[in-house]
PDB file of N, CA and C in Angstrom:
ATOM      1  N   UNK A   1     322.553 117.016 166.973  1.00  0.00           N
ATOM      2  CA  UNK A   1     323.314 118.109 167.570  1.00  0.00           C
ATOM      3  C   UNK A   1     323.008 118.190 169.060  1.00  0.00           C
ATOM      4  N   UNK A   2     324.003 117.928 169.874  1.00  0.00           N
ATOM      5  CA  UNK A   2     323.792 117.821 171.318  1.00  0.00           C
ATOM      6  C   UNK A   2     323.405 119.165 171.933  1.00  0.00           C
ATOM      7  N   UNK A   3     323.904 120.271 171.374  1.00  0.00           N
ATOM      8  CA  UNK A   3     323.552 121.583 171.909  1.00  0.00           C
ATOM      9  C   UNK A   3     322.055 121.819 171.789  1.00  0.00           C
ATOM     10  N   UNK A   4     321.490 121.434 170.658  1.00  0.00           N
ATOM     11  CA  UNK A   4     320.045 121.580 170.465  1.00  0.00           C
ATOM     12  C   UNK A   4     319.286 120.689 171.431  1.00  0.00           C
ATOM     13  N   UNK A   5     319.787 119.485 171.636  1.00  0.00           N
ATOM     14  CA  UNK A   5     319.142 118.558 172.569  1.00  0.00           C
ATOM     15  C   UNK A   5     319.145 119.145 173.977  1.00  0.00           C
ATOM     16  N   UNK A   6     320.250 119.752 174.374  1.00  0.00           N
ATOM     17  CA  UNK A   6     320.329 120.365 175.703  1.00  0.00           C
ATOM     18  C   UNK A   6     319.327 121.510 175.823  1.00  0.00           C
ATOM     19  N   UNK A   7     319.245 122.339 174.776  1.00  0.00           N
ATOM     20  CA  UNK A   7     318.301 123.453 174.791  1.00  0.00           C
ATOM     21  C   UNK A   7     316.874 122.937 174.850  1.00  0.00           C
ATOM     22  N   UNK A   8     316.602 121.903 174.080  1.00  0.00           N
ATOM     23  CA  UNK A   8     315.269 121.302 174.054  1.00  0.00           C
ATOM     24  C   UNK A   8     314.884 120.817 175.439  1.00  0.00           C
ATOM     25  N   UNK A   9     315.806 120.159 176.116  1.00  0.00           N
ATOM     26  CA  UNK A   9     315.520 119.651 177.463  1.00  0.00           C
ATOM     27  C   UNK A   9     315.324 120.795 178.450  1.00  0.00           C
ATOM     28  N   UNK A  10     316.039 121.914 178.256  1.00  0.00           N
ATOM     29  CA  UNK A  10     315.838 123.066 179.136  1.00  0.00           C
ATOM     30  C   UNK A  10     314.409 123.578 179.009  1.00  0.00           C
ATOM     31  N   UNK A  11     313.886 123.577 177.785  1.00  0.00           N
ATOM     32  CA  UNK A  11     312.546 124.112 177.529  1.00  0.00           C
ATOM     33  C   UNK A  11     311.469 123.113 177.926  1.00  0.00           C
ATOM     34  N   UNK A  12     311.637 121.861 177.500  1.00  0.00           N
ATOM     35  CA  UNK A  12     310.571 120.864 177.645  1.00  0.00           C
ATOM     36  C   UNK A  12     310.741 119.985 178.873  1.00  0.00           C
ATOM     37  N   UNK A  13     311.923 120.015 179.478  1.00  0.00           N
ATOM     38  CA  UNK A  13     312.153 119.228 180.680  1.00  0.00           C
ATOM     39  C   UNK A  13     312.965 117.981 180.391  1.00  0.00           C
ATOM     40  N   UNK A  14     313.660 117.455 181.404  1.00  0.00           N
ATOM     41  CA  UNK A  14     314.477 116.251 181.255  1.00  0.00           C
ATOM     42  C   UNK A  14     313.642 115.088 180.753  1.00  0.00           C
ATOM     43  N   UNK A  15     314.210 114.291 179.855  1.00  0.00           N
ATOM     44  CA  UNK A  15     313.507 113.122 179.350  1.00  0.00           C
ATOM     45  C   UNK A  15     312.567 113.444 178.202  1.00  0.00           C
ATOM     46  N   UNK A  16     312.487 114.720 177.824  1.00  0.00           N
ATOM     47  CA  UNK A  16     311.552 115.102 176.774  1.00  0.00           C
ATOM     48  C   UNK A  16     312.002 114.599 175.408  1.00  0.00           C
ATOM     49  N   UNK A  17     313.281 114.234 175.308  1.00  0.00           N
ATOM     50  CA  UNK A  17     313.779 113.703 174.038  1.00  0.00           C
ATOM     51  C   UNK A  17     313.967 112.197 174.109  1.00  0.00           C
ATOM     52  N   UNK A  18     313.095 111.529 174.848  1.00  0.00           N
ATOM     53  CA  UNK A  18     313.216 110.088 175.041  1.00  0.00           C
ATOM     54  C   UNK A  18     312.620 109.350 173.851  1.00  0.00           C
ATOM     55  N   UNK A  19     313.220 109.557 172.677  1.00  0.00           N
ATOM     56  CA  UNK A  19     312.697 109.007 171.420  1.00  0.00           C
ATOM     57  C   UNK A  19     312.544 107.497 171.475  1.00  0.00           C
ATOM     58  N   UNK A  20     313.578 106.801 171.983  1.00  0.00           N
ATOM     59  CA  UNK A  20     313.598 105.343 171.910  1.00  0.00           C
ATOM     60  C   UNK A  20     312.468 104.718 172.725  1.00  0.00           C
ATOM     61  N   UNK A  21     312.218 105.275 173.911  1.00  0.00           N
ATOM     62  CA  UNK A  21     311.279 104.650 174.834  1.00  0.00           C
ATOM     63  C   UNK A  21     309.874 105.236 174.745  1.00  0.00           C
ATOM     64  N   UNK A  22     309.770 106.450 174.222  1.00  0.00           N
ATOM     65  CA  UNK A  22     308.462 107.108 174.234  1.00  0.00           C
ATOM     66  C   UNK A  22     308.301 107.986 173.000  1.00  0.00           C
ATOM     67  N   UNK A  23     308.508 107.377 171.822  1.00  0.00           N
ATOM     68  CA  UNK A  23     308.457 108.150 170.586  1.00  0.00           C
ATOM     69  C   UNK A  23     307.100 108.820 170.410  1.00  0.00           C
ATOM     70  N   UNK A  24     306.039 108.061 170.578  1.00  0.00           N
ATOM     71  CA  UNK A  24     304.683 108.595 170.385  1.00  0.00           C
ATOM     72  C   UNK A  24     304.412 109.736 171.369  1.00  0.00           C
ATOM     73  N   UNK A  25     304.739 109.513 172.634  1.00  0.00           N
ATOM     74  CA  UNK A  25     304.501 110.532 173.650  1.00  0.00           C
ATOM     75  C   UNK A  25     305.323 111.786 173.393  1.00  0.00           C
ATOM     76  N   UNK A  26     306.586 111.606 172.989  1.00  0.00           N
ATOM     77  CA  UNK A  26     307.442 112.743 172.696  1.00  0.00           C
ATOM     78  C   UNK A  26     306.882 113.533 171.531  1.00  0.00           C
ATOM     79  N   UNK A  27     306.430 112.841 170.497  1.00  0.00           N
ATOM     80  CA  UNK A  27     305.865 113.503 169.323  1.00  0.00           C
ATOM     81  C   UNK A  27     304.622 114.296 169.708  1.00  0.00           C
ATOM     82  N   UNK A  28     303.798 113.719 170.572  1.00  0.00           N
ATOM     83  CA  UNK A  28     302.583 114.407 171.014  1.00  0.00           C
ATOM     84  C   UNK A  28     302.926 115.707 171.742  1.00  0.00           C
ATOM     85  N   UNK A  29     303.980 115.693 172.557  1.00  0.00           N
ATOM     86  CA  UNK A  29     304.375 116.898 173.291  1.00  0.00           C
ATOM     87  C   UNK A  29     304.869 117.977 172.340  1.00  0.00           C
ATOM     88  N   UNK A  30     305.565 117.567 171.280  1.00  0.00           N
ATOM     89  CA  UNK A  30     306.111 118.530 170.322  1.00  0.00           C
ATOM     90  C   UNK A  30     305.003 119.096 169.442  1.00  0.00           C
ATOM     91  N   UNK A  31     304.114 118.231 168.966  1.00  0.00           N
ATOM     92  CA  UNK A  31     303.099 118.621 167.988  1.00  0.00           C
ATOM     93  C   UNK A  31     302.069 119.582 168.585  1.00  0.00           C
TER      94      UNK A  31
END
């Protein structure tokens, strides 16, 4: 859902949903 992705980026910052390139790092930020 792109709306959720946009909201997520507003909260966590641009590139925070970079699953493909930084899955481990993204997971660490969320957890």
